Amino acid sequence: MGKGYIEVYFYYSINMMGGQPIFILKEGTKRESGRDAMQNNIEAAKGIAQSVRSTLGPRGMDKMMVDSLG
């Protein structure tokens, strides 16, 4: 996972399944733990913070995020 690259993974639990978690991940996705996972979370948080920085404070400006589909 490169710097500035954020991918969202969906995690949800269905009560009808006995409370077992169900993970929906892209094919070939690797799971990380420990320091690697922590470092990726820190990088993702820094990227989000950089994106919303101008929206904070008394003179904060609204920001619209748009993907390639509009």
PDB file of N, CA and C in Angstrom:
ATOM      1  N   MET A   1       0.849  -1.174   0.000  1.00  0.00           N
ATOM      2  CA  MET A   1       0.000   0.000   0.000  1.00  0.00           C
ATOM      3  C   MET A   1       0.897   1.241   0.000  1.00  0.00           C
ATOM      4  N   GLY A   2       0.807   2.056  -1.009  1.00  0.00           N
ATOM      5  CA  GLY A   2       1.649   3.228  -1.112  1.00  0.00           C
ATOM      6  C   GLY A   2       1.101   4.409  -0.345  1.00  0.00           C
ATOM      7  N   LYS A   3       1.954   5.388  -0.155  1.00  0.00           N
ATOM      8  CA  LYS A   3       1.545   6.594   0.558  1.00  0.00           C
ATOM      9  C   LYS A   3       0.448   7.314  -0.220  1.00  0.00           C
ATOM     10  N   GLY A   4      -0.579   7.746   0.488  1.00  0.00           N
ATOM     11  CA  GLY A   4      -1.674   8.447  -0.153  1.00  0.00           C
ATOM     12  C   GLY A   4      -2.716   7.515  -0.766  1.00  0.00           C
ATOM     13  N   TYR A   5      -2.478   6.223  -0.712  1.00  0.00           N
ATOM     14  CA  TYR A   5      -3.412   5.260  -1.284  1.00  0.00           C
ATOM     15  C   TYR A   5      -4.326   4.766  -0.171  1.00  0.00           C
ATOM     16  N   ILE A   6      -5.596   5.034  -0.311  1.00  0.00           N
ATOM     17  CA  ILE A   6      -6.555   4.622   0.704  1.00  0.00           C
ATOM     18  C   ILE A   6      -7.572   3.699   0.056  1.00  0.00           C
ATOM     19  N   GLU A   7      -7.739   2.549   0.621  1.00  0.00           N
ATOM     20  CA  GLU A   7      -8.752   1.627   0.125  1.00  0.00           C
ATOM     21  C   GLU A   7      -9.678   1.295   1.278  1.00  0.00           C
ATOM     22  N   VAL A   8     -10.947   1.306   1.013  1.00  0.00           N
ATOM     23  CA  VAL A   8     -11.926   1.063   2.062  1.00  0.00           C
ATOM     24  C   VAL A   8     -12.337  -0.401   2.025  1.00  0.00           C
ATOM     25  N   TYR A   9     -12.266  -1.021   3.159  1.00  0.00           N
ATOM     26  CA  TYR A   9     -12.716  -2.397   3.306  1.00  0.00           C
ATOM     27  C   TYR A   9     -13.986  -2.396   4.140  1.00  0.00           C
ATOM     28  N   PHE A  10     -14.938  -3.181   3.740  1.00  0.00           N
ATOM     29  CA  PHE A  10     -16.209  -3.235   4.443  1.00  0.00           C
ATOM     30  C   PHE A  10     -16.203  -4.399   5.427  1.00  0.00           C
ATOM     31  N   TYR A  11     -16.622  -4.104   6.629  1.00  0.00           N
ATOM     32  CA  TYR A  11     -16.721  -5.114   7.668  1.00  0.00           C
ATOM     33  C   TYR A  11     -18.095  -4.995   8.294  1.00  0.00           C
ATOM     34  N   TYR A  12     -18.795  -6.065   8.373  1.00  0.00           N
ATOM     35  CA  TYR A  12     -20.077  -6.016   9.046  1.00  0.00           C
ATOM     36  C   TYR A  12     -20.403  -7.380   9.635  1.00  0.00           C
ATOM     37  N   SER A  13     -21.305  -7.368  10.573  1.00  0.00           N
ATOM     38  CA  SER A  13     -21.722  -8.594  11.231  1.00  0.00           C
ATOM     39  C   SER A  13     -23.226  -8.741  11.071  1.00  0.00           C
ATOM     40  N   ILE A  14     -23.668  -9.938  10.780  1.00  0.00           N
ATOM     41  CA  ILE A  14     -25.090 -10.199  10.618  1.00  0.00           C
ATOM     42  C   ILE A  14     -25.548 -11.066  11.783  1.00  0.00           C
ATOM     43  N   ASN A  15     -26.564 -10.597  12.504  1.00  0.00           N
ATOM     44  CA  ASN A  15     -27.059 -11.341  13.649  1.00  0.00           C
ATOM     45  C   ASN A  15     -27.599 -12.710  13.252  1.00  0.00           C
ATOM     46  N   MET A  16     -28.168 -12.825  12.068  1.00  0.00           N
ATOM     47  CA  MET A  16     -28.722 -14.097  11.622  1.00  0.00           C
ATOM     48  C   MET A  16     -27.633 -15.147  11.436  1.00  0.00           C
ATOM     49  N   MET A  17     -26.394 -14.726  11.313  1.00  0.00           N
ATOM     50  CA  MET A  17     -25.286 -15.659  11.117  1.00  0.00           C
ATOM     51  C   MET A  17     -24.633 -16.018  12.449  1.00  0.00           C
ATOM     52  N   GLY A  18     -25.331 -15.838  13.543  1.00  0.00           N
ATOM     53  CA  GLY A  18     -24.774 -16.183  14.843  1.00  0.00           C
ATOM     54  C   GLY A  18     -23.747 -15.182  15.329  1.00  0.00           C
ATOM     55  N   GLY A  19     -23.778 -13.965  14.808  1.00  0.00           N
ATOM     56  CA  GLY A  19     -22.833 -12.940  15.250  1.00  0.00           C
ATOM     57  C   GLY A  19     -21.441 -13.098  14.668  1.00  0.00           C
ATOM     58  N   GLN A  20     -21.257 -13.996  13.706  1.00  0.00           N
ATOM     59  CA  GLN A  20     -19.950 -14.184  13.092  1.00  0.00           C
ATOM     60  C   GLN A  20     -19.646 -13.018  12.161  1.00  0.00           C
ATOM     61  N   PRO A  21     -18.450 -12.431  12.263  1.00  0.00           N
ATOM     62  CA  PRO A  21     -18.108 -11.323  11.358  1.00  0.00           C
ATOM     63  C   PRO A  21     -17.953 -11.822   9.925  1.00  0.00           C
ATOM     64  N   ILE A  22     -18.348 -10.987   8.987  1.00  0.00           N
ATOM     65  CA  ILE A  22     -18.204 -11.292   7.568  1.00  0.00           C
ATOM     66  C   ILE A  22     -17.332 -10.199   6.962  1.00  0.00           C
ATOM     67  N   PHE A  23     -16.251 -10.590   6.312  1.00  0.00           N
ATOM     68  CA  PHE A  23     -15.350  -9.637   5.689  1.00  0.00           C
ATOM     69  C   PHE A  23     -15.565  -9.675   4.186  1.00  0.00           C
ATOM     70  N   ILE A  24     -15.714  -8.501   3.576  1.00  0.00           N
ATOM     71  CA  ILE A  24     -15.816  -8.404   2.121  1.00  0.00           C
ATOM     72  C   ILE A  24     -14.559  -7.686   1.654  1.00  0.00           C
ATOM     73  N   LEU A  25     -13.652  -8.435   1.058  1.00  0.00           N
ATOM     74  CA  LEU A  25     -12.365  -7.893   0.632  1.00  0.00           C
ATOM     75  C   LEU A  25     -12.143  -8.197  -0.840  1.00  0.00           C
ATOM     76  N   LYS A  26     -11.374  -7.345  -1.477  1.00  0.00           N
ATOM     77  CA  LYS A  26     -11.015  -7.551  -2.876  1.00  0.00           C
ATOM     78  C   LYS A  26     -10.150  -8.812  -2.993  1.00  0.00           C
ATOM     79  N   GLU A  27     -10.308  -9.536  -4.088  1.00  0.00           N
ATOM     80  CA  GLU A  27      -9.534 -10.744  -4.342  1.00  0.00           C
ATOM     81  C   GLU A  27      -8.040 -10.456  -4.218  1.00  0.00           C
ATOM     82  N   GLY A  28      -7.314 -11.290  -3.506  1.00  0.00           N
ATOM     83  CA  GLY A  28      -5.874 -11.139  -3.352  1.00  0.00           C
ATOM     84  C   GLY A  28      -5.454 -10.155  -2.278  1.00  0.00           C
ATOM     85  N   THR A  29      -6.402  -9.655  -1.495  1.00  0.00           N
ATOM     86  CA  THR A  29      -6.089  -8.698  -0.437  1.00  0.00           C
ATOM     87  C   THR A  29      -5.308  -9.381   0.668  1.00  0.00           C
ATOM     88  N   LYS A  30      -4.256  -8.744   1.137  1.00  0.00           N
ATOM     89  CA  LYS A  30      -3.515  -9.306   2.259  1.00  0.00           C
ATOM     90  C   LYS A  30      -3.897  -8.556   3.528  1.00  0.00           C
ATOM     91  N   ARG A  31      -3.922  -9.273   4.629  1.00  0.00           N
ATOM     92  CA  ARG A  31      -4.259  -8.675   5.916  1.00  0.00           C
ATOM     93  C   ARG A  31      -2.966  -8.420   6.668  1.00  0.00           C
ATOM     94  N   GLU A  32      -2.897  -7.281   7.313  1.00  0.00           N
ATOM     95  CA  GLU A  32      -1.713  -6.922   8.073  1.00  0.00           C
ATOM     96  C   GLU A  32      -2.069  -6.799   9.539  1.00  0.00           C
ATOM     97  N   SER A  33      -1.070  -6.929  10.369  1.00  0.00           N
ATOM     98  CA  SER A  33      -1.283  -6.757  11.803  1.00  0.00           C
ATOM     99  C   SER A  33      -0.025  -6.141  12.402  1.00  0.00           C
ATOM    100  N   GLY A  34      -0.120  -5.773  13.653  1.00  0.00           N
ATOM    101  CA  GLY A  34       1.030  -5.229  14.354  1.00  0.00           C
ATOM    102  C   GLY A  34       1.461  -3.874  13.828  1.00  0.00           C
ATOM    103  N   ARG A  35       2.770  -3.693  13.756  1.00  0.00           N
ATOM    104  CA  ARG A  35       3.339  -2.402  13.351  1.00  0.00           C
ATOM    105  C   ARG A  35       2.977  -2.012  11.920  1.00  0.00           C
ATOM    106  N   ASP A  36       2.914  -2.989  11.018  1.00  0.00           N
ATOM    107  CA  ASP A  36       2.558  -2.679   9.627  1.00  0.00           C
ATOM    108  C   ASP A  36       1.151  -2.109   9.542  1.00  0.00           C
ATOM    109  N   ALA A  37       0.211  -2.721  10.240  1.00  0.00           N
ATOM    110  CA  ALA A  37      -1.170  -2.229  10.242  1.00  0.00           C
ATOM    111  C   ALA A  37      -1.241  -0.847  10.876  1.00  0.00           C
ATOM    112  N   MET A  38      -0.503  -0.658  11.975  1.00  0.00           N
ATOM    113  CA  MET A  38      -0.507   0.636  12.651  1.00  0.00           C
ATOM    114  C   MET A  38       0.070   1.724  11.744  1.00  0.00           C
ATOM    115  N   GLN A  39       1.149   1.430  11.041  1.00  0.00           N
ATOM    116  CA  GLN A  39       1.766   2.406  10.141  1.00  0.00           C
ATOM    117  C   GLN A  39       0.816   2.777   9.003  1.00  0.00           C
ATOM    118  N   ASN A  40       0.115   1.789   8.442  1.00  0.00           N
ATOM    119  CA  ASN A  40      -0.851   2.076   7.375  1.00  0.00           C
ATOM    120  C   ASN A  40      -2.009   2.919   7.888  1.00  0.00           C
ATOM    121  N   ASN A  41      -2.467   2.655   9.106  1.00  0.00           N
ATOM    122  CA  ASN A  41      -3.543   3.459   9.691  1.00  0.00           C
ATOM    123  C   ASN A  41      -3.093   4.897   9.917  1.00  0.00           C
ATOM    124  N   ILE A  42      -1.862   5.081  10.357  1.00  0.00           N
ATOM    125  CA  ILE A  42      -1.322   6.428  10.574  1.00  0.00           C
ATOM    126  C   ILE A  42      -1.237   7.179   9.247  1.00  0.00           C
ATOM    127  N   GLU A  43      -0.747   6.516   8.199  1.00  0.00           N
ATOM    128  CA  GLU A  43      -0.646   7.148   6.879  1.00  0.00           C
ATOM    129  C   GLU A  43      -2.026   7.528   6.347  1.00  0.00           C
ATOM    130  N   ALA A  44      -3.014   6.650   6.543  1.00  0.00           N
ATOM    131  CA  ALA A  44      -4.376   6.952   6.091  1.00  0.00           C
ATOM    132  C   ALA A  44      -4.930   8.153   6.846  1.00  0.00           C
ATOM    133  N   ALA A  45      -4.712   8.205   8.163  1.00  0.00           N
ATOM    134  CA  ALA A  45      -5.201   9.325   8.970  1.00  0.00           C
ATOM    135  C   ALA A  45      -4.535  10.633   8.550  1.00  0.00           C
ATOM    136  N   LYS A  46      -3.237  10.588   8.250  1.00  0.00           N
ATOM    137  CA  LYS A  46      -2.537  11.792   7.785  1.00  0.00           C
ATOM    138  C   LYS A  46      -3.110  12.275   6.455  1.00  0.00           C
ATOM    139  N   GLY A  47      -3.422  11.351   5.559  1.00  0.00           N
ATOM    140  CA  GLY A  47      -3.999  11.721   4.267  1.00  0.00           C
ATOM    141  C   GLY A  47      -5.364  12.369   4.422  1.00  0.00           C
ATOM    142  N   ILE A  48      -6.190  11.809   5.286  1.00  0.00           N
ATOM    143  CA  ILE A  48      -7.511  12.391   5.539  1.00  0.00           C
ATOM    144  C   ILE A  48      -7.368  13.751   6.200  1.00  0.00           C
ATOM    145  N   ALA A  49      -6.456  13.864   7.174  1.00  0.00           N
ATOM    146  CA  ALA A  49      -6.241  15.142   7.859  1.00  0.00           C
ATOM    147  C   ALA A  49      -5.815  16.222   6.869  1.00  0.00           C
ATOM    148  N   GLN A  50      -4.935  15.874   5.945  1.00  0.00           N
ATOM    149  CA  GLN A  50      -4.478  16.837   4.941  1.00  0.00           C
ATOM    150  C   GLN A  50      -5.634  17.282   4.051  1.00  0.00           C
ATOM    151  N   SER A  51      -6.537  16.351   3.734  1.00  0.00           N
ATOM    152  CA  SER A  51      -7.674  16.672   2.867  1.00  0.00           C
ATOM    153  C   SER A  51      -8.679  17.601   3.520  1.00  0.00           C
ATOM    154  N   VAL A  52      -8.901  17.441   4.819  1.00  0.00           N
ATOM    155  CA  VAL A  52      -9.946  18.226   5.492  1.00  0.00           C
ATOM    156  C   VAL A  52      -9.402  19.407   6.290  1.00  0.00           C
ATOM    157  N   ARG A  53      -8.094  19.609   6.271  1.00  0.00           N
ATOM    158  CA  ARG A  53      -7.481  20.674   7.077  1.00  0.00           C
ATOM    159  C   ARG A  53      -8.110  22.044   6.816  1.00  0.00           C
ATOM    160  N   SER A  54      -8.393  22.370   5.568  1.00  0.00           N
ATOM    161  CA  SER A  54      -8.932  23.696   5.246  1.00  0.00           C
ATOM    162  C   SER A  54     -10.401  23.844   5.636  1.00  0.00           C
ATOM    163  N   THR A  55     -11.053  22.758   6.054  1.00  0.00           N
ATOM    164  CA  THR A  55     -12.458  22.850   6.462  1.00  0.00           C
ATOM    165  C   THR A  55     -12.601  23.164   7.941  1.00  0.00           C
ATOM    166  N   LEU A  56     -11.509  23.167   8.683  1.00  0.00           N
ATOM    167  CA  LEU A  56     -11.556  23.367  10.128  1.00  0.00           C
ATOM    168  C   LEU A  56     -11.305  24.817  10.500  1.00  0.00           C
ATOM    169  N   GLY A  57     -11.755  25.202  11.680  1.00  0.00           N
ATOM    170  CA  GLY A  57     -11.510  26.546  12.187  1.00  0.00           C
ATOM    171  C   GLY A  57     -12.614  27.517  11.839  1.00  0.00           C
ATOM    172  N   PRO A  58     -12.484  28.751  12.352  1.00  0.00           N
ATOM    173  CA  PRO A  58     -13.546  29.743  12.156  1.00  0.00           C
ATOM    174  C   PRO A  58     -13.715  30.182  10.703  1.00  0.00           C
ATOM    175  N   ARG A  59     -12.690  30.038   9.901  1.00  0.00           N
ATOM    176  CA  ARG A  59     -12.777  30.406   8.481  1.00  0.00           C
ATOM    177  C   ARG A  59     -12.741  29.171   7.586  1.00  0.00           C
ATOM    178  N   GLY A  60     -13.222  28.076   8.112  1.00  0.00           N
ATOM    179  CA  GLY A  60     -13.216  26.820   7.357  1.00  0.00           C
ATOM    180  C   GLY A  60     -14.044  26.925   6.094  1.00  0.00           C
ATOM    181  N   MET A  61     -13.554  26.325   5.042  1.00  0.00           N
ATOM    182  CA  MET A  61     -14.263  26.353   3.763  1.00  0.00           C
ATOM    183  C   MET A  61     -14.806  24.963   3.470  1.00  0.00           C
ATOM    184  N   ASP A  62     -15.988  24.911   2.865  1.00  0.00           N
ATOM    185  CA  ASP A  62     -16.574  23.628   2.492  1.00  0.00           C
ATOM    186  C   ASP A  62     -15.740  22.994   1.389  1.00  0.00           C
ATOM    187  N   LYS A  63     -15.714  21.685   1.387  1.00  0.00           N
ATOM    188  CA  LYS A  63     -14.929  20.963   0.395  1.00  0.00           C
ATOM    189  C   LYS A  63     -15.785  19.831  -0.154  1.00  0.00           C
ATOM    190  N   MET A  64     -15.773  19.668  -1.462  1.00  0.00           N
ATOM    191  CA  MET A  64     -16.521  18.590  -2.086  1.00  0.00           C
ATOM    192  C   MET A  64     -15.517  17.602  -2.663  1.00  0.00           C
ATOM    193  N   MET A  65     -15.684  16.342  -2.301  1.00  0.00           N
ATOM    194  CA  MET A  65     -14.801  15.310  -2.832  1.00  0.00           C
ATOM    195  C   MET A  65     -15.540  14.584  -3.941  1.00  0.00           C
ATOM    196  N   VAL A  66     -14.892  14.458  -5.097  1.00  0.00           N
ATOM    197  CA  VAL A  66     -15.511  13.872  -6.275  1.00  0.00           C
ATOM    198  C   VAL A  66     -14.592  12.782  -6.804  1.00  0.00           C
ATOM    199  N   ASP A  67     -15.183  11.660  -7.209  1.00  0.00           N
ATOM    200  CA  ASP A  67     -14.380  10.612  -7.817  1.00  0.00           C
ATOM    201  C   ASP A  67     -14.443  10.721  -9.344  1.00  0.00           C
ATOM    202  N   SER A  68     -13.870   9.754 -10.035  1.00  0.00           N
ATOM    203  CA  SER A  68     -13.801   9.819 -11.500  1.00  0.00           C
ATOM    204  C   SER A  68     -15.175   9.751 -12.169  1.00  0.00           C
ATOM    205  N   LEU A  69     -16.184   9.274 -11.448  1.00  0.00           N
ATOM    206  CA  LEU A  69     -17.532   9.184 -12.011  1.00  0.00           C
ATOM    207  C   LEU A  69     -18.357  10.436 -11.759  1.00  0.00           C
ATOM    208  N   GLY A  70     -17.785  11.380 -11.039  1.00  0.00           N
ATOM    209  CA  GLY A  70     -18.498  12.625 -10.797  1.00  0.00           C
ATOM    210  C   GLY A  70     -18.969  12.723  -9.411  1.00  0.00           C
TER     211      GLY A  70
END
